[in-house]
N, C-alpha and C. Protein backbone atom coordinates (compact mmCIF):
# COMPACT_ATOMS: atom_id res chain seq x y z
N MET A 1 257.38 -78.42 159.40
CA MET A 1 256.07 -77.99 159.86
C MET A 1 255.33 -79.20 160.42
N PRO A 2 254.81 -79.10 161.65
CA PRO A 2 254.10 -80.24 162.24
C PRO A 2 252.77 -80.49 161.56
N ARG A 3 252.41 -81.73 161.54
CA ARG A 3 251.14 -82.13 160.93
C ARG A 3 249.99 -81.67 161.82
N GLN A 4 248.91 -81.17 161.18
CA GLN A 4 247.73 -80.76 161.93
C GLN A 4 246.61 -81.77 161.71
N LEU A 5 245.84 -81.97 162.74
CA LEU A 5 244.70 -82.88 162.64
C LEU A 5 243.47 -82.12 162.18
N ASN A 6 242.59 -82.82 161.49
CA ASN A 6 241.29 -82.24 161.16
C ASN A 6 240.48 -82.10 162.43
N GLU A 7 239.51 -81.22 162.39
CA GLU A 7 238.64 -81.09 163.55
C GLU A 7 237.76 -82.33 163.66
N GLU A 8 237.41 -82.67 164.87
CA GLU A 8 236.65 -83.89 165.12
C GLU A 8 235.29 -83.87 164.42
N TRP A 9 234.65 -82.73 164.35
CA TRP A 9 233.33 -82.66 163.74
C TRP A 9 233.38 -83.01 162.26
N THR A 10 234.49 -82.67 161.58
CA THR A 10 234.58 -83.00 160.15
C THR A 10 234.71 -84.51 159.98
N ALA A 11 235.40 -85.16 160.89
CA ALA A 11 235.52 -86.62 160.84
C ALA A 11 234.16 -87.26 161.08
N ASP A 12 233.39 -86.68 162.00
CA ASP A 12 232.04 -87.19 162.27
C ASP A 12 231.14 -87.04 161.04
N VAL A 13 231.25 -85.91 160.35
CA VAL A 13 230.45 -85.68 159.15
C VAL A 13 230.80 -86.71 158.09
N VAL A 14 232.08 -86.92 157.85
CA VAL A 14 232.51 -87.88 156.83
C VAL A 14 232.07 -89.29 157.21
N ARG A 15 232.16 -89.63 158.48
CA ARG A 15 231.72 -90.96 158.95
C ARG A 15 230.23 -91.16 158.70
N GLU A 16 229.42 -90.15 159.03
CA GLU A 16 227.98 -90.27 158.82
C GLU A 16 227.64 -90.29 157.33
N MET A 17 228.38 -89.55 156.53
CA MET A 17 228.16 -89.57 155.09
C MET A 17 228.39 -91.00 154.57
N HIS A 18 229.43 -91.61 155.06
CA HIS A 18 229.75 -92.99 154.64
C HIS A 18 228.66 -93.95 155.12
N LEU A 19 228.26 -93.80 156.37
CA LEU A 19 227.25 -94.68 156.96
C LEU A 19 225.92 -94.60 156.21
N TYR A 20 225.50 -93.40 155.86
CA TYR A 20 224.21 -93.19 155.19
C TYR A 20 224.34 -93.15 153.66
N ARG A 21 225.54 -93.38 153.16
CA ARG A 21 225.81 -93.36 151.72
C ARG A 21 225.41 -92.03 151.08
N ILE A 22 225.84 -90.96 151.73
CA ILE A 22 225.59 -89.61 151.23
C ILE A 22 226.85 -89.14 150.52
N THR A 23 226.71 -88.68 149.30
CA THR A 23 227.88 -88.21 148.56
C THR A 23 228.20 -86.77 148.95
N ARG A 24 229.43 -86.38 148.69
CA ARG A 24 229.81 -84.98 148.93
C ARG A 24 228.97 -84.05 148.07
N GLN A 25 228.66 -84.51 146.87
CA GLN A 25 227.85 -83.68 145.97
C GLN A 25 226.46 -83.44 146.55
N GLU A 26 225.86 -84.50 147.13
CA GLU A 26 224.54 -84.35 147.75
C GLU A 26 224.58 -83.35 148.90
N LEU A 27 225.59 -83.49 149.74
CA LEU A 27 225.71 -82.60 150.89
C LEU A 27 226.00 -81.18 150.45
N ALA A 28 226.89 -81.02 149.49
CA ALA A 28 227.22 -79.68 148.99
C ALA A 28 225.97 -79.01 148.41
N SER A 29 225.20 -79.77 147.67
CA SER A 29 223.98 -79.24 147.06
C SER A 29 222.99 -78.80 148.14
N LYS A 30 222.82 -79.62 149.17
CA LYS A 30 221.89 -79.31 150.26
C LYS A 30 222.33 -78.05 151.01
N CYS A 31 223.64 -77.86 151.15
CA CYS A 31 224.20 -76.69 151.84
C CYS A 31 224.24 -75.45 150.95
N HIS A 32 224.03 -75.65 149.65
CA HIS A 32 224.20 -74.58 148.65
C HIS A 32 225.66 -74.13 148.60
N TYR A 33 226.57 -75.09 148.74
CA TYR A 33 228.00 -74.85 148.61
C TYR A 33 228.49 -75.57 147.35
N SER A 34 229.62 -75.13 146.84
CA SER A 34 230.23 -75.88 145.74
C SER A 34 230.89 -77.12 146.32
N LEU A 35 231.07 -78.10 145.48
CA LEU A 35 231.74 -79.33 145.91
C LEU A 35 233.16 -79.02 146.38
N THR A 36 233.82 -78.12 145.67
CA THR A 36 235.19 -77.73 146.03
C THR A 36 235.24 -77.12 147.42
N TYR A 37 234.31 -76.20 147.70
CA TYR A 37 234.29 -75.54 149.01
C TYR A 37 234.04 -76.55 150.12
N LEU A 38 233.05 -77.42 149.93
CA LEU A 38 232.76 -78.42 150.95
C LEU A 38 233.97 -79.33 151.19
N SER A 39 234.63 -79.73 150.13
CA SER A 39 235.82 -80.57 150.26
C SER A 39 236.93 -79.87 151.03
N LEU A 40 237.12 -78.59 150.74
CA LEU A 40 238.14 -77.82 151.48
C LEU A 40 237.83 -77.82 152.98
N VAL A 41 236.57 -77.60 153.32
CA VAL A 41 236.17 -77.57 154.73
C VAL A 41 236.37 -78.93 155.38
N LEU A 42 235.85 -79.99 154.75
CA LEU A 42 235.91 -81.32 155.35
C LEU A 42 237.33 -81.87 155.42
N ASN A 43 238.18 -81.44 154.50
CA ASN A 43 239.58 -81.89 154.53
C ASN A 43 240.45 -81.04 155.43
N GLY A 44 239.87 -79.99 156.02
CA GLY A 44 240.63 -79.13 156.93
C GLY A 44 241.55 -78.16 156.23
N ASN A 45 241.30 -77.90 154.95
CA ASN A 45 242.17 -77.01 154.18
C ASN A 45 241.60 -75.61 154.00
N LYS A 46 240.43 -75.34 154.54
CA LYS A 46 239.80 -74.03 154.40
C LYS A 46 240.25 -73.12 155.54
N THR A 47 240.72 -71.94 155.19
CA THR A 47 241.09 -70.94 156.18
C THR A 47 239.94 -69.95 156.27
N PHE A 48 239.36 -69.83 157.43
CA PHE A 48 238.22 -68.94 157.63
C PHE A 48 238.69 -67.56 158.07
N SER A 49 237.91 -66.56 157.70
CA SER A 49 238.25 -65.17 158.05
C SER A 49 238.00 -64.88 159.52
N SER A 50 237.11 -65.64 160.14
CA SER A 50 236.81 -65.43 161.56
C SER A 50 236.23 -66.70 162.15
N ASP A 51 236.20 -66.75 163.48
CA ASP A 51 235.59 -67.90 164.16
C ASP A 51 234.09 -67.94 163.87
N TYR A 52 233.48 -66.77 163.72
CA TYR A 52 232.06 -66.71 163.40
C TYR A 52 231.77 -67.38 162.06
N ALA A 53 232.56 -67.08 161.05
CA ALA A 53 232.38 -67.67 159.72
C ALA A 53 232.57 -69.18 159.79
N LYS A 54 233.54 -69.60 160.56
CA LYS A 54 233.80 -71.04 160.71
C LYS A 54 232.61 -71.74 161.38
N GLU A 55 232.11 -71.16 162.45
CA GLU A 55 230.99 -71.75 163.18
C GLU A 55 229.71 -71.75 162.34
N ARG A 56 229.52 -70.71 161.55
CA ARG A 56 228.35 -70.63 160.67
C ARG A 56 228.40 -71.73 159.61
N THR A 57 229.57 -71.92 159.03
CA THR A 57 229.74 -72.97 158.03
C THR A 57 229.52 -74.35 158.66
N LYS A 58 230.10 -74.55 159.82
CA LYS A 58 229.93 -75.82 160.53
C LYS A 58 228.45 -76.09 160.81
N ALA A 59 227.73 -75.08 161.30
CA ALA A 59 226.32 -75.24 161.63
C ALA A 59 225.50 -75.57 160.38
N LYS A 60 225.82 -74.94 159.28
CA LYS A 60 225.08 -75.18 158.03
C LYS A 60 225.32 -76.60 157.53
N ILE A 61 226.54 -77.05 157.60
CA ILE A 61 226.87 -78.42 157.16
C ILE A 61 226.18 -79.45 158.04
N LEU A 62 226.25 -79.26 159.36
CA LEU A 62 225.63 -80.21 160.28
C LEU A 62 224.12 -80.23 160.13
N LYS A 63 223.51 -79.07 159.95
CA LYS A 63 222.05 -78.99 159.77
C LYS A 63 221.64 -79.69 158.47
N SER A 64 222.38 -79.44 157.40
CA SER A 64 222.06 -80.05 156.10
C SER A 64 222.23 -81.56 156.16
N LEU A 65 223.29 -82.01 156.82
CA LEU A 65 223.52 -83.45 156.97
C LEU A 65 222.37 -84.10 157.72
N GLU A 66 221.92 -83.45 158.78
CA GLU A 66 220.81 -83.97 159.57
C GLU A 66 219.53 -84.04 158.74
N GLU A 67 219.28 -83.04 157.92
CA GLU A 67 218.09 -83.04 157.06
C GLU A 67 218.14 -84.19 156.05
N ILE A 68 219.31 -84.43 155.49
CA ILE A 68 219.45 -85.54 154.53
C ILE A 68 219.22 -86.88 155.24
N LYS A 69 219.78 -87.02 156.44
CA LYS A 69 219.60 -88.26 157.20
C LYS A 69 218.13 -88.50 157.52
N ILE A 70 217.41 -87.45 157.89
CA ILE A 70 215.98 -87.58 158.19
C ILE A 70 215.23 -88.01 156.95
N ASP A 71 215.56 -87.43 155.81
CA ASP A 71 214.93 -87.82 154.54
C ASP A 71 215.17 -89.30 154.25
N ILE A 72 216.40 -89.75 154.44
CA ILE A 72 216.75 -91.15 154.18
C ILE A 72 215.99 -92.08 155.13
N LEU A 73 215.98 -91.75 156.41
CA LEU A 73 215.30 -92.60 157.38
C LEU A 73 213.79 -92.62 157.15
N THR A 74 213.23 -91.50 156.75
CA THR A 74 211.79 -91.44 156.44
C THR A 74 211.47 -92.32 155.24
N GLU A 75 212.33 -92.25 154.23
CA GLU A 75 212.14 -93.08 153.04
C GLU A 75 212.21 -94.56 153.39
N ILE A 76 213.16 -94.94 154.21
CA ILE A 76 213.30 -96.33 154.63
C ILE A 76 212.08 -96.78 155.40
N GLU A 77 211.59 -95.93 156.29
CA GLU A 77 210.42 -96.26 157.09
C GLU A 77 209.18 -96.43 156.21
N MET A 78 209.04 -95.57 155.21
CA MET A 78 207.91 -95.67 154.29
C MET A 78 207.97 -96.97 153.49
N GLU A 79 209.16 -97.35 153.05
CA GLU A 79 209.32 -98.60 152.31
C GLU A 79 208.98 -99.79 153.20
N LYS A 80 209.37 -99.71 154.46
CA LYS A 80 209.09 -100.78 155.40
C LYS A 80 207.58 -100.95 155.59
N GLU A 81 206.89 -99.82 155.76
CA GLU A 81 205.44 -99.86 155.94
C GLU A 81 204.75 -100.42 154.70
N GLU A 82 205.27 -100.06 153.54
CA GLU A 82 204.69 -100.55 152.29
C GLU A 82 204.82 -102.07 152.20
N VAL A 83 205.95 -102.60 152.59
CA VAL A 83 206.17 -104.05 152.58
C VAL A 83 205.28 -104.73 153.59
N GLU A 84 205.12 -104.14 154.76
CA GLU A 84 204.30 -104.75 155.82
C GLU A 84 202.82 -104.78 155.45
N GLU A 85 202.38 -103.88 154.59
CA GLU A 85 200.98 -103.81 154.21
C GLU A 85 200.60 -104.82 153.14
N ARG A 86 201.55 -105.44 152.49
CA ARG A 86 201.25 -106.42 151.45
C ARG A 86 200.64 -107.67 152.04
N PRO A 87 199.68 -108.25 151.32
CA PRO A 87 199.15 -109.55 151.77
C PRO A 87 200.26 -110.61 151.72
N TRP A 88 200.18 -111.58 152.60
CA TRP A 88 201.23 -112.58 152.71
C TRP A 88 201.47 -113.32 151.40
N TYR A 89 200.42 -113.55 150.63
CA TYR A 89 200.56 -114.34 149.40
C TYR A 89 201.31 -113.60 148.29
N GLU A 90 201.41 -112.28 148.39
CA GLU A 90 202.16 -111.53 147.36
C GLU A 90 203.66 -111.81 147.41
N TYR A 91 204.14 -112.25 148.54
CA TYR A 91 205.56 -112.57 148.66
C TYR A 91 205.95 -113.79 147.83
N PHE A 92 204.97 -114.62 147.50
CA PHE A 92 205.24 -115.83 146.74
C PHE A 92 204.91 -115.69 145.26
N ASN A 93 204.27 -114.61 144.91
CA ASN A 93 203.89 -114.35 143.52
C ASN A 93 205.09 -113.77 142.78
N LYS A 94 205.60 -114.47 141.80
CA LYS A 94 206.81 -114.03 141.11
C LYS A 94 206.52 -113.46 139.74
N THR A 95 205.29 -113.14 139.42
CA THR A 95 204.96 -112.58 138.10
C THR A 95 204.98 -111.08 138.13
């Protein structure tokens, strides 16, 4: 039996999860999927009943990933603003 490749979008999801340090558990929770189900999809081992079901699952995963990324970037931006608002002398205060 010839080897099959995963779909490109699943590789992109895994790459972005790694880049943003998002765990499979976090993504599964955001999608309201079990960790097992998400792993089956991302590993290319899930057989879908129809193309519609496959596209719906893909859309939900991509949307949830994007929401998590926005949350992360917002948090980083807020931390940056907090640091920029400190008076210069607080950077030298070690107490």
